[in-house]
N, C-alpha and C. Protein backbone atom coordinates (compact mmCIF):
# COMPACT_ATOMS: atom_id res chain seq x y z
N UNK A 1 18.54 13.05 24.26
CA UNK A 1 18.19 12.21 23.13
C UNK A 1 18.00 12.96 21.91
N UNK A 2 17.37 14.09 22.04
CA UNK A 2 17.15 15.00 20.77
C UNK A 2 18.49 15.47 20.24
N UNK A 3 19.36 15.79 21.19
CA UNK A 3 20.67 16.30 20.79
C UNK A 3 21.58 15.19 20.15
N UNK A 4 21.31 14.01 20.56
CA UNK A 4 22.05 12.81 19.92
C UNK A 4 21.54 12.56 18.57
N UNK A 5 20.21 12.78 18.37
CA UNK A 5 19.55 12.50 17.07
C UNK A 5 20.05 13.54 16.04
N UNK A 6 20.11 14.85 16.58
CA UNK A 6 20.62 15.97 15.65
C UNK A 6 22.09 15.72 15.34
N UNK A 7 22.88 15.23 16.27
CA UNK A 7 24.28 15.01 16.02
C UNK A 7 24.45 13.93 14.90
N UNK A 8 23.58 12.83 15.07
CA UNK A 8 23.67 11.84 14.00
C UNK A 8 23.30 12.39 12.68
N UNK A 9 22.29 13.17 12.60
CA UNK A 9 21.80 13.71 11.31
C UNK A 9 22.95 14.63 10.76
N UNK A 10 23.58 15.35 11.54
CA UNK A 10 24.68 16.21 11.11
C UNK A 10 25.91 15.40 10.58
N UNK A 11 26.19 14.34 11.42
CA UNK A 11 27.36 13.52 11.01
C UNK A 11 27.06 12.72 9.72
N UNK A 12 25.86 12.47 9.42
CA UNK A 12 25.48 11.71 8.18
C UNK A 12 25.60 12.59 6.99
N UNK A 13 25.67 13.87 7.09
CA UNK A 13 25.75 14.69 5.92
C UNK A 13 24.46 15.05 5.31
N UNK A 14 24.51 15.69 4.05
CA UNK A 14 23.31 16.20 3.48
C UNK A 14 22.30 15.09 3.01
N UNK A 15 22.85 13.84 2.89
CA UNK A 15 21.83 12.82 2.36
C UNK A 15 20.83 12.48 3.46
N UNK A 16 21.12 12.71 4.72
CA UNK A 16 20.30 12.43 5.83
C UNK A 16 18.91 13.23 5.71
N UNK A 17 18.92 14.41 5.19
CA UNK A 17 17.71 15.10 4.96
C UNK A 17 16.68 14.46 4.11
N UNK A 18 17.02 14.07 2.83
CA UNK A 18 16.04 13.32 1.95
C UNK A 18 15.65 11.93 2.65
N UNK A 19 16.62 11.27 3.38
CA UNK A 19 16.21 10.00 3.93
C UNK A 19 15.16 10.24 5.01
N UNK A 20 15.34 11.27 5.76
CA UNK A 20 14.28 11.59 6.73
C UNK A 20 13.03 11.99 6.13
N UNK A 21 13.06 12.72 5.04
CA UNK A 21 11.77 13.15 4.34
C UNK A 21 11.12 11.91 3.78
N UNK A 22 11.82 10.94 3.23
CA UNK A 22 11.25 9.70 2.74
C UNK A 22 10.60 8.99 3.96
N UNK A 23 11.19 8.92 5.09
CA UNK A 23 10.68 8.20 6.27
C UNK A 23 9.35 8.80 6.65
N UNK A 24 9.36 10.20 6.79
CA UNK A 24 8.09 10.86 7.22
C UNK A 24 6.94 10.66 6.24
N UNK A 25 7.29 10.82 4.89
CA UNK A 25 6.23 10.67 3.82
C UNK A 25 5.73 9.27 3.90
N UNK A 26 6.58 8.22 4.06
CA UNK A 26 6.15 6.86 4.05
C UNK A 26 5.17 6.55 5.19
N UNK A 27 5.53 7.01 6.37
CA UNK A 27 4.71 6.78 7.63
C UNK A 27 3.39 7.51 7.55
N UNK A 28 3.34 8.65 6.86
CA UNK A 28 2.12 9.32 6.66
C UNK A 28 1.12 8.40 5.79
N UNK A 29 1.75 7.89 4.72
CA UNK A 29 0.98 7.01 3.89
C UNK A 29 0.53 5.80 4.63
N UNK A 30 1.43 5.20 5.47
CA UNK A 30 1.06 3.97 6.23
C UNK A 30 -0.12 4.23 7.18
N UNK A 31 -0.11 5.30 7.95
CA UNK A 31 -1.24 5.56 8.89
C UNK A 31 -2.55 5.84 8.17
N UNK A 32 -2.36 6.60 7.05
CA UNK A 32 -3.59 6.90 6.15
C UNK A 32 -4.19 5.58 5.60
N UNK A 33 -3.35 4.73 5.11
CA UNK A 33 -3.89 3.45 4.47
C UNK A 33 -4.25 2.47 5.52
N UNK A 34 -3.66 2.43 6.64
CA UNK A 34 -4.11 1.47 7.73
C UNK A 34 -5.44 1.68 8.04
N UNK A 35 -5.89 2.93 8.39
CA UNK A 35 -7.26 3.23 8.76
C UNK A 35 -8.16 3.19 7.55
N UNK A 36 -7.61 3.57 6.39
CA UNK A 36 -8.38 3.61 5.21
C UNK A 36 -8.74 2.18 4.74
N UNK A 37 -7.84 1.22 4.80
CA UNK A 37 -8.12 -0.15 4.43
C UNK A 37 -9.14 -0.80 5.42
N UNK A 38 -8.99 -0.49 6.69
CA UNK A 38 -9.90 -1.01 7.65
C UNK A 38 -11.30 -0.48 7.38
N UNK A 39 -11.41 0.81 7.20
CA UNK A 39 -12.83 1.42 6.91
C UNK A 39 -13.40 0.92 5.67
N UNK A 40 -12.69 0.90 4.50
CA UNK A 40 -13.18 0.52 3.28
C UNK A 40 -13.58 -0.96 3.19
N UNK A 41 -12.75 -1.82 3.87
CA UNK A 41 -13.04 -3.19 3.89
C UNK A 41 -14.32 -3.47 4.63
N UNK A 42 -14.55 -2.76 5.70
CA UNK A 42 -15.79 -2.81 6.50
C UNK A 42 -17.03 -2.41 5.60
N UNK A 43 -16.87 -1.24 4.89
CA UNK A 43 -17.97 -0.83 4.15
C UNK A 43 -18.34 -1.71 2.98
N UNK A 44 -17.18 -2.30 2.37
CA UNK A 44 -17.48 -3.26 1.30
C UNK A 44 -18.21 -4.48 1.81
N UNK A 45 -17.72 -5.11 2.87
CA UNK A 45 -18.32 -6.30 3.48
C UNK A 45 -19.78 -6.10 3.87
N UNK A 46 -20.09 -4.85 4.42
CA UNK A 46 -21.46 -4.52 4.81
C UNK A 46 -22.36 -4.39 3.59
N UNK A 47 -21.74 -3.71 2.57
CA UNK A 47 -22.57 -3.58 1.28
C UNK A 47 -22.97 -4.89 0.71
N UNK A 48 -22.04 -5.80 0.61
CA UNK A 48 -22.25 -7.06 -0.05
C UNK A 48 -23.20 -7.91 0.74
N UNK A 49 -23.11 -7.80 2.19
CA UNK A 49 -24.08 -8.51 2.96
C UNK A 49 -25.48 -8.01 2.74
N UNK A 50 -25.64 -6.68 2.70
CA UNK A 50 -26.97 -6.05 2.41
C UNK A 50 -27.46 -6.36 0.96
N UNK A 51 -26.57 -6.44 0.06
CA UNK A 51 -26.90 -6.80 -1.40
C UNK A 51 -27.42 -8.18 -1.44
N UNK A 52 -26.81 -9.13 -0.77
CA UNK A 52 -27.21 -10.58 -0.83
C UNK A 52 -28.56 -10.68 -0.04
N UNK A 53 -28.75 -9.98 1.02
CA UNK A 53 -30.05 -9.95 1.80
C UNK A 53 -31.18 -9.34 0.91
N UNK A 54 -30.90 -8.33 0.22
CA UNK A 54 -31.92 -7.74 -0.72
C UNK A 54 -32.25 -8.68 -1.89
N UNK A 55 -31.25 -9.35 -2.40
CA UNK A 55 -31.54 -10.25 -3.49
C UNK A 55 -32.33 -11.48 -3.05
N UNK A 56 -32.09 -11.95 -1.83
CA UNK A 56 -32.85 -13.10 -1.33
C UNK A 56 -34.20 -12.72 -0.90
N UNK A 57 -34.41 -11.47 -0.43
CA UNK A 57 -35.63 -11.02 0.12
C UNK A 57 -36.52 -10.36 -0.87
N UNK A 58 -35.98 -9.45 -1.79
CA UNK A 58 -36.75 -8.71 -2.72
C UNK A 58 -36.47 -9.03 -4.19
N UNK A 59 -35.40 -9.75 -4.43
CA UNK A 59 -35.15 -10.07 -5.89
C UNK A 59 -34.28 -9.12 -6.44
N UNK A 60 -34.18 -9.11 -7.86
CA UNK A 60 -33.19 -8.19 -8.60
C UNK A 60 -33.56 -6.79 -8.38
N UNK A 61 -34.85 -6.45 -8.42
CA UNK A 61 -35.21 -5.04 -8.36
C UNK A 61 -34.75 -4.42 -7.10
N UNK A 62 -34.92 -5.02 -5.96
CA UNK A 62 -34.49 -4.55 -4.63
C UNK A 62 -32.96 -4.44 -4.58
N UNK A 63 -32.29 -5.41 -5.19
CA UNK A 63 -30.77 -5.40 -5.19
C UNK A 63 -30.23 -4.17 -6.12
N UNK A 64 -30.98 -4.04 -7.23
CA UNK A 64 -30.62 -2.89 -8.13
C UNK A 64 -30.79 -1.57 -7.44
N UNK A 65 -31.89 -1.43 -6.71
CA UNK A 65 -32.14 -0.15 -5.96
C UNK A 65 -31.03 0.15 -4.88
N UNK A 66 -30.63 -0.88 -4.24
CA UNK A 66 -29.49 -0.76 -3.31
C UNK A 66 -28.18 -0.28 -4.02
N UNK A 67 -27.90 -0.86 -5.18
CA UNK A 67 -26.76 -0.47 -5.99
C UNK A 67 -26.78 0.96 -6.37
N UNK A 68 -27.99 1.52 -6.69
CA UNK A 68 -27.98 2.95 -7.01
C UNK A 68 -28.06 3.80 -5.81
N UNK A 69 -28.41 3.25 -4.66
CA UNK A 69 -28.52 4.11 -3.40
C UNK A 69 -27.13 4.13 -2.77
N UNK A 70 -26.29 3.12 -2.89
CA UNK A 70 -25.06 3.10 -2.00
C UNK A 70 -23.87 3.85 -2.75
N UNK A 71 -23.01 4.31 -1.93
CA UNK A 71 -21.87 5.03 -2.46
C UNK A 71 -20.55 4.23 -2.75
N UNK A 72 -20.68 3.00 -2.51
CA UNK A 72 -19.55 2.06 -2.81
C UNK A 72 -19.27 1.93 -4.29
N UNK A 73 -18.03 2.25 -4.77
CA UNK A 73 -17.71 2.21 -6.16
C UNK A 73 -18.14 1.01 -6.86
N UNK A 74 -18.02 -0.15 -6.25
CA UNK A 74 -18.28 -1.40 -6.84
C UNK A 74 -19.84 -1.57 -7.24
N UNK A 75 -20.67 -0.69 -6.54
CA UNK A 75 -22.07 -0.85 -6.78
C UNK A 75 -22.51 -0.64 -8.25
N UNK A 76 -21.92 0.41 -8.80
CA UNK A 76 -22.37 0.76 -10.20
C UNK A 76 -21.93 -0.36 -11.08
N UNK A 77 -20.79 -0.98 -10.93
CA UNK A 77 -20.36 -2.16 -11.75
C UNK A 77 -21.22 -3.32 -11.59
N UNK A 78 -21.76 -3.58 -10.38
CA UNK A 78 -22.59 -4.72 -10.05
C UNK A 78 -24.11 -4.47 -10.60
N UNK A 79 -24.46 -3.19 -10.73
CA UNK A 79 -25.78 -2.82 -11.08
C UNK A 79 -26.18 -3.54 -12.38
N UNK A 80 -25.23 -3.78 -13.33
CA UNK A 80 -25.54 -4.37 -14.57
C UNK A 80 -25.99 -5.80 -14.41
N UNK A 81 -25.58 -6.46 -13.31
CA UNK A 81 -25.99 -7.83 -13.03
C UNK A 81 -27.53 -7.98 -12.82
N UNK A 82 -28.02 -6.83 -12.19
CA UNK A 82 -29.44 -6.87 -11.67
C UNK A 82 -30.26 -6.14 -12.61
N UNK A 83 -29.69 -5.35 -13.53
CA UNK A 83 -30.54 -4.53 -14.52
C UNK A 83 -30.96 -5.43 -15.70
N UNK A 84 -30.05 -6.46 -16.07
CA UNK A 84 -30.32 -7.28 -17.16
C UNK A 84 -31.38 -8.41 -16.77
N UNK A 85 -32.14 -8.71 -17.67
CA UNK A 85 -33.12 -9.78 -17.47
C UNK A 85 -32.41 -11.17 -17.24
N UNK A 86 -31.42 -11.38 -18.13
CA UNK A 86 -30.73 -12.62 -17.99
C UNK A 86 -29.17 -12.45 -18.38
N UNK A 87 -28.37 -13.22 -17.73
CA UNK A 87 -26.98 -13.16 -18.08
C UNK A 87 -26.40 -14.49 -17.75
N UNK A 88 -25.64 -15.08 -18.70
CA UNK A 88 -25.17 -16.49 -18.55
C UNK A 88 -23.99 -16.47 -17.52
N UNK A 89 -23.68 -17.68 -17.02
CA UNK A 89 -22.73 -17.88 -15.99
C UNK A 89 -21.35 -17.32 -16.34
N UNK A 90 -20.99 -17.36 -17.56
CA UNK A 90 -19.63 -16.91 -17.92
C UNK A 90 -19.50 -15.33 -17.77
N UNK A 91 -20.52 -14.56 -18.20
CA UNK A 91 -20.56 -13.23 -18.02
C UNK A 91 -20.76 -12.76 -16.59
N UNK A 92 -21.53 -13.49 -15.76
CA UNK A 92 -21.62 -13.13 -14.43
C UNK A 92 -20.29 -13.23 -13.68
N UNK A 93 -19.53 -14.33 -14.04
CA UNK A 93 -18.23 -14.57 -13.36
C UNK A 93 -17.24 -13.53 -13.81
N UNK A 94 -17.37 -13.07 -15.10
CA UNK A 94 -16.49 -12.10 -15.66
C UNK A 94 -16.73 -10.74 -14.86
N UNK A 95 -18.05 -10.46 -14.69
CA UNK A 95 -18.40 -9.21 -13.94
C UNK A 95 -17.95 -9.23 -12.47
N UNK A 96 -17.96 -10.40 -11.88
CA UNK A 96 -17.47 -10.60 -10.55
C UNK A 96 -15.87 -10.30 -10.45
N UNK A 97 -15.26 -11.04 -11.39
CA UNK A 97 -13.78 -10.84 -11.47
C UNK A 97 -13.41 -9.30 -11.66
N UNK A 98 -14.12 -8.65 -12.59
CA UNK A 98 -13.86 -7.20 -12.76
C UNK A 98 -14.09 -6.42 -11.52
N UNK A 99 -15.16 -6.72 -10.74
CA UNK A 99 -15.55 -5.97 -9.52
C UNK A 99 -14.48 -6.27 -8.51
N UNK A 100 -14.00 -7.41 -8.34
CA UNK A 100 -12.96 -7.77 -7.33
C UNK A 100 -11.66 -7.06 -7.66
N UNK A 101 -11.34 -6.99 -8.98
CA UNK A 101 -10.04 -6.31 -9.40
C UNK A 101 -10.24 -4.82 -9.14
N UNK A 102 -11.39 -4.28 -9.32
CA UNK A 102 -11.61 -2.78 -9.04
C UNK A 102 -11.40 -2.52 -7.58
N UNK A 103 -11.92 -3.41 -6.72
CA UNK A 103 -11.90 -3.20 -5.26
C UNK A 103 -10.52 -3.44 -4.73
N UNK A 104 -9.81 -4.34 -5.35
CA UNK A 104 -8.32 -4.69 -4.85
C UNK A 104 -7.51 -3.34 -5.24
N UNK A 105 -7.70 -2.83 -6.36
CA UNK A 105 -6.98 -1.55 -6.74
C UNK A 105 -7.33 -0.43 -5.80
N UNK A 106 -8.73 -0.36 -5.55
CA UNK A 106 -9.18 0.82 -4.75
C UNK A 106 -8.70 0.75 -3.31
N UNK A 107 -8.91 -0.45 -2.68
CA UNK A 107 -8.47 -0.56 -1.29
C UNK A 107 -7.04 -0.48 -1.07
N UNK A 108 -6.24 -1.04 -2.07
CA UNK A 108 -4.85 -1.14 -1.93
C UNK A 108 -4.15 0.03 -2.56
N UNK A 109 -4.86 1.16 -2.99
CA UNK A 109 -4.14 2.24 -3.46
C UNK A 109 -3.09 2.88 -2.50
N UNK A 110 -2.00 3.35 -2.95
CA UNK A 110 -0.99 3.88 -2.10
C UNK A 110 0.10 3.00 -1.59
N UNK A 111 -0.24 1.68 -1.67
CA UNK A 111 0.67 0.63 -1.11
C UNK A 111 1.88 0.61 -2.02
N UNK A 112 1.82 0.72 -3.33
CA UNK A 112 2.92 0.65 -4.24
C UNK A 112 3.94 1.72 -3.94
N UNK A 113 3.45 2.85 -3.44
CA UNK A 113 4.33 4.02 -3.08
C UNK A 113 5.38 3.54 -1.92
N UNK A 114 4.88 2.67 -1.05
CA UNK A 114 5.79 2.26 0.00
C UNK A 114 6.96 1.46 -0.54
N UNK A 115 6.73 0.63 -1.57
CA UNK A 115 7.90 -0.09 -2.13
C UNK A 115 8.91 0.91 -2.81
N UNK A 116 8.29 1.95 -3.49
CA UNK A 116 9.15 2.94 -4.18
C UNK A 116 9.93 3.72 -3.09
N UNK A 117 9.32 4.10 -2.00
CA UNK A 117 10.01 4.93 -0.92
C UNK A 117 10.99 4.02 -0.27
N UNK A 118 10.75 2.67 -0.04
CA UNK A 118 11.72 1.77 0.56
C UNK A 118 12.99 1.76 -0.29
N UNK A 119 12.76 1.57 -1.62
CA UNK A 119 13.88 1.55 -2.54
C UNK A 119 14.70 2.90 -2.53
N UNK A 120 13.87 3.99 -2.44
CA UNK A 120 14.57 5.29 -2.42
C UNK A 120 15.45 5.41 -1.24
N UNK A 121 14.93 4.96 -0.03
CA UNK A 121 15.76 5.13 1.25
C UNK A 121 17.11 4.32 1.09
N UNK A 122 16.91 3.05 0.55
CA UNK A 122 18.08 2.21 0.41
C UNK A 122 19.10 2.87 -0.50
N UNK A 123 18.63 3.40 -1.67
CA UNK A 123 19.54 4.07 -2.61
C UNK A 123 20.15 5.38 -2.07
N UNK A 124 19.36 6.10 -1.36
CA UNK A 124 19.94 7.28 -0.65
C UNK A 124 20.98 6.95 0.34
N UNK A 125 20.79 5.83 1.05
CA UNK A 125 21.78 5.40 2.01
C UNK A 125 23.02 5.00 1.32
N UNK A 126 22.82 4.37 0.14
CA UNK A 126 24.04 4.01 -0.67
C UNK A 126 24.76 5.20 -1.23
N UNK A 127 23.92 6.17 -1.61
CA UNK A 127 24.58 7.39 -2.10
C UNK A 127 25.39 8.08 -0.97
N UNK A 128 24.90 8.12 0.23
CA UNK A 128 25.57 8.73 1.32
C UNK A 128 26.87 7.84 1.60
N UNK A 129 26.86 6.52 1.46
CA UNK A 129 28.01 5.74 1.62
C UNK A 129 29.10 6.05 0.61
N UNK A 130 28.65 6.26 -0.59
CA UNK A 130 29.69 6.59 -1.69
C UNK A 130 30.25 8.01 -1.39
N UNK A 131 29.35 8.91 -0.99
CA UNK A 131 29.82 10.23 -0.66
C UNK A 131 30.89 10.31 0.49
N UNK A 132 30.55 9.50 1.49
CA UNK A 132 31.45 9.32 2.70
C UNK A 132 32.74 8.77 2.32
N UNK A 133 32.78 7.73 1.48
CA UNK A 133 33.97 7.06 1.03
C UNK A 133 34.83 8.02 0.13
N UNK A 134 34.17 8.84 -0.72
CA UNK A 134 34.90 9.75 -1.53
C UNK A 134 35.51 10.85 -0.73
N UNK A 135 34.74 11.25 0.39
CA UNK A 135 35.35 12.26 1.21
C UNK A 135 36.61 11.69 1.95
N UNK A 136 36.53 10.42 2.34
CA UNK A 136 37.67 9.78 3.05
C UNK A 136 38.81 9.73 2.10
N UNK A 137 38.61 9.35 0.85
CA UNK A 137 39.71 9.28 -0.12
C UNK A 137 40.39 10.60 -0.42
N UNK A 138 39.49 11.60 -0.43
CA UNK A 138 40.04 12.97 -0.57
C UNK A 138 40.97 13.45 0.56
N UNK A 139 40.60 12.97 1.74
CA UNK A 139 41.37 13.29 2.96
C UNK A 139 42.77 12.62 2.78
N UNK A 140 42.73 11.33 2.42
CA UNK A 140 43.94 10.64 2.25
C UNK A 140 44.84 11.24 1.16
N UNK A 141 44.12 11.70 0.11
CA UNK A 141 44.93 12.34 -1.02
C UNK A 141 45.58 13.60 -0.54
N UNK A 142 44.85 14.38 0.28
CA UNK A 142 45.39 15.76 0.57
C UNK A 142 46.33 15.65 1.78
N UNK A 143 45.92 14.93 2.87
CA UNK A 143 46.66 14.89 4.12
C UNK A 143 47.35 13.60 4.32
N UNK A 144 47.17 12.58 3.49
CA UNK A 144 47.86 11.29 3.77
C UNK A 144 47.06 10.61 4.90
N UNK A 145 47.67 9.77 5.67
CA UNK A 145 46.96 9.06 6.70
C UNK A 145 47.37 9.72 8.10
N UNK A 146 47.87 10.87 7.99
CA UNK A 146 48.33 11.45 9.22
C UNK A 146 47.24 12.26 9.94
N UNK A 147 45.96 12.31 9.38
CA UNK A 147 44.89 13.00 9.96
C UNK A 147 43.67 12.04 10.16
N UNK A 148 43.83 11.15 11.25
CA UNK A 148 42.82 10.15 11.42
C UNK A 148 41.45 10.65 11.75
N UNK A 149 41.33 11.79 12.36
CA UNK A 149 40.00 12.31 12.72
C UNK A 149 39.30 12.81 11.44
N UNK A 150 39.94 13.31 10.52
CA UNK A 150 39.29 13.68 9.23
C UNK A 150 38.94 12.49 8.43
N UNK A 151 39.77 11.55 8.56
CA UNK A 151 39.46 10.26 7.75
C UNK A 151 38.30 9.55 8.42
N UNK A 152 38.20 9.56 9.71
CA UNK A 152 37.13 8.91 10.47
C UNK A 152 35.77 9.68 10.14
N UNK A 153 35.78 10.93 9.85
CA UNK A 153 34.57 11.73 9.58
C UNK A 153 33.93 11.13 8.34
N UNK A 154 34.71 10.95 7.33
CA UNK A 154 34.17 10.37 5.98
C UNK A 154 33.59 8.97 6.19
N UNK A 155 34.43 8.11 6.94
CA UNK A 155 33.95 6.78 7.12
C UNK A 155 32.64 6.71 8.01
N UNK A 156 32.62 7.68 9.08
CA UNK A 156 31.35 7.81 9.89
C UNK A 156 30.20 8.10 9.09
N UNK A 157 30.35 9.05 8.14
CA UNK A 157 29.20 9.44 7.29
C UNK A 157 28.78 8.35 6.42
N UNK A 158 29.77 7.56 5.88
CA UNK A 158 29.32 6.37 4.99
C UNK A 158 28.53 5.41 5.76
N UNK A 159 28.94 5.10 7.03
CA UNK A 159 28.25 4.05 7.80
C UNK A 159 26.93 4.58 8.33
N UNK A 160 26.91 5.82 8.75
CA UNK A 160 25.58 6.37 9.29
C UNK A 160 24.51 6.37 8.16
N UNK A 161 24.84 6.83 6.96
CA UNK A 161 23.83 6.87 5.91
C UNK A 161 23.38 5.49 5.49
N UNK A 162 24.35 4.52 5.42
CA UNK A 162 23.99 3.16 5.06
C UNK A 162 22.95 2.59 6.13
N UNK A 163 23.23 2.79 7.40
CA UNK A 163 22.44 2.39 8.47
C UNK A 163 21.05 3.09 8.39
N UNK A 164 21.04 4.33 8.19
CA UNK A 164 19.77 5.10 8.13
C UNK A 164 18.85 4.63 6.96
N UNK A 165 19.54 4.37 5.87
CA UNK A 165 18.75 3.92 4.73
C UNK A 165 18.05 2.56 5.01
N UNK A 166 18.77 1.63 5.66
CA UNK A 166 18.28 0.31 5.91
C UNK A 166 17.23 0.43 6.99
N UNK A 167 17.42 1.21 8.06
CA UNK A 167 16.49 1.43 9.13
C UNK A 167 15.15 1.88 8.63
N UNK A 168 15.19 2.80 7.62
CA UNK A 168 13.96 3.33 7.00
C UNK A 168 13.29 2.30 6.23
N UNK A 169 14.16 1.60 5.37
CA UNK A 169 13.55 0.72 4.21
C UNK A 169 12.96 -0.55 4.88
N UNK A 170 13.66 -1.17 5.76
CA UNK A 170 13.18 -2.52 6.30
C UNK A 170 11.79 -2.50 6.88
N UNK A 171 11.48 -1.51 7.79
CA UNK A 171 10.15 -1.51 8.25
C UNK A 171 9.01 -1.18 7.27
N UNK A 172 9.32 -0.39 6.19
CA UNK A 172 8.47 -0.12 5.17
C UNK A 172 8.06 -1.43 4.39
N UNK A 173 9.04 -2.20 4.13
CA UNK A 173 8.80 -3.50 3.40
C UNK A 173 7.90 -4.41 4.25
N UNK A 174 8.19 -4.48 5.58
CA UNK A 174 7.37 -5.33 6.43
C UNK A 174 5.91 -4.79 6.52
N UNK A 175 5.73 -3.53 6.74
CA UNK A 175 4.42 -2.91 6.71
C UNK A 175 3.66 -3.04 5.44
N UNK A 176 4.39 -2.92 4.32
CA UNK A 176 3.79 -3.17 3.02
C UNK A 176 3.25 -4.61 2.86
N UNK A 177 4.07 -5.51 3.31
CA UNK A 177 3.60 -6.89 3.30
C UNK A 177 2.27 -7.06 4.11
N UNK A 178 2.30 -6.52 5.34
CA UNK A 178 1.17 -6.68 6.17
C UNK A 178 -0.14 -6.02 5.53
N UNK A 179 0.06 -4.79 5.14
CA UNK A 179 -1.13 -4.12 4.58
C UNK A 179 -1.63 -4.84 3.29
N UNK A 180 -0.66 -5.35 2.52
CA UNK A 180 -1.08 -6.11 1.31
C UNK A 180 -1.91 -7.27 1.70
N UNK A 181 -1.51 -7.95 2.75
CA UNK A 181 -2.27 -9.15 3.23
C UNK A 181 -3.66 -8.76 3.68
N UNK A 182 -3.83 -7.57 4.26
CA UNK A 182 -5.08 -7.10 4.75
C UNK A 182 -6.05 -6.88 3.47
N UNK A 183 -5.35 -6.20 2.47
CA UNK A 183 -6.23 -5.97 1.18
C UNK A 183 -6.59 -7.29 0.61
N UNK A 184 -5.63 -8.23 0.56
CA UNK A 184 -5.95 -9.49 -0.09
C UNK A 184 -7.06 -10.25 0.62
N UNK A 185 -6.99 -10.25 1.97
CA UNK A 185 -8.02 -10.92 2.78
C UNK A 185 -9.38 -10.26 2.59
N UNK A 186 -9.41 -8.94 2.44
CA UNK A 186 -10.71 -8.26 2.18
C UNK A 186 -11.28 -8.59 0.84
N UNK A 187 -10.45 -8.77 -0.22
CA UNK A 187 -10.89 -8.94 -1.55
C UNK A 187 -11.24 -10.40 -1.74
N UNK A 188 -10.56 -11.38 -1.09
CA UNK A 188 -10.98 -12.65 -1.05
C UNK A 188 -12.34 -13.00 -0.49
N UNK A 189 -12.53 -12.37 0.62
CA UNK A 189 -13.92 -12.43 1.23
C UNK A 189 -14.97 -11.87 0.28
N UNK A 190 -14.70 -10.69 -0.33
CA UNK A 190 -15.57 -10.11 -1.29
C UNK A 190 -15.80 -11.01 -2.55
N UNK A 191 -14.76 -11.64 -2.95
CA UNK A 191 -14.91 -12.60 -4.04
C UNK A 191 -15.78 -13.75 -3.74
N UNK A 192 -15.74 -14.29 -2.53
CA UNK A 192 -16.55 -15.40 -2.18
C UNK A 192 -18.01 -14.96 -2.11
N UNK A 193 -18.23 -13.79 -1.53
CA UNK A 193 -19.55 -13.27 -1.41
C UNK A 193 -20.16 -12.99 -2.79
N UNK A 194 -19.43 -12.42 -3.61
CA UNK A 194 -20.00 -12.12 -4.98
C UNK A 194 -20.19 -13.44 -5.71
N UNK A 195 -19.47 -14.50 -5.59
CA UNK A 195 -19.74 -15.72 -6.20
C UNK A 195 -21.13 -16.34 -5.63
N UNK A 196 -21.40 -16.15 -4.36
CA UNK A 196 -22.75 -16.62 -3.86
C UNK A 196 -23.80 -15.77 -4.51
N UNK A 197 -23.59 -14.48 -4.62
CA UNK A 197 -24.57 -13.62 -5.17
C UNK A 197 -24.84 -13.98 -6.67
N UNK A 198 -23.74 -14.31 -7.39
CA UNK A 198 -23.83 -14.81 -8.85
C UNK A 198 -24.61 -16.11 -8.89
N UNK A 199 -24.39 -16.91 -7.99
CA UNK A 199 -25.15 -18.24 -7.89
C UNK A 199 -26.55 -17.97 -7.70
N UNK A 200 -26.95 -17.07 -6.77
CA UNK A 200 -28.29 -16.72 -6.59
C UNK A 200 -28.96 -16.11 -7.80
N UNK A 201 -28.23 -15.33 -8.56
CA UNK A 201 -28.81 -14.77 -9.79
C UNK A 201 -28.95 -15.88 -10.80
N UNK A 202 -28.08 -16.82 -10.78
CA UNK A 202 -28.25 -17.98 -11.69
C UNK A 202 -29.47 -18.78 -11.37
N UNK A 203 -29.76 -19.01 -10.16
CA UNK A 203 -31.01 -19.70 -9.81
C UNK A 203 -32.26 -18.93 -10.14
N UNK A 204 -32.16 -17.59 -9.93
CA UNK A 204 -33.32 -16.82 -10.26
C UNK A 204 -33.59 -16.81 -11.72
N UNK A 205 -32.45 -16.80 -12.57
CA UNK A 205 -32.62 -16.77 -13.97
C UNK A 205 -33.18 -18.04 -14.55
N UNK A 206 -32.99 -19.12 -13.82
CA UNK A 206 -33.41 -20.48 -14.30
C UNK A 206 -34.89 -20.82 -13.92
N UNK A 207 -35.49 -19.88 -13.20
CA UNK A 207 -36.88 -20.09 -12.78
C UNK A 207 -37.85 -19.87 -13.91
């Protein structure tokens, strides 16, 4: 099987090396972000649950202390909600939106690179296709159609690189879609929890 893979790489020509490099780099990002998204989403949900509990049990002061104690990046942004004596609904909701936007970018970092790498794999496959066809036309120009083995070599290179580019790109697009949905689900849950916290602050401010 290893020999077959090496043969395919060689038949695909020099373009196969960067396609392989793109594939390896992309899957390193995928595995890192898969576990990263899972871990960071859990920490975010746990922090917001503790924050709401502190607010219900100890008020703004207790919630502010938790914001300063925790290492979640969103905490310093939310601290302003508990540090001020009063804040109207509009500004509370603006702070919530900013916090959610921050978390969406933080948890989803690196996912944009998968789209870029998928596009790069497709274009590299196309480059290999063009290179293979040019090689075939050169054979026809020099030898005519009397050397089918040489002609087949260029056509084979063109088809192999096209297939390799698509084989690399398609899974990347599917995985990107899945990971993006995980990020969206985490931030939607965070948004709901933050709106509950904002409502609690509004009730405290009206007392």
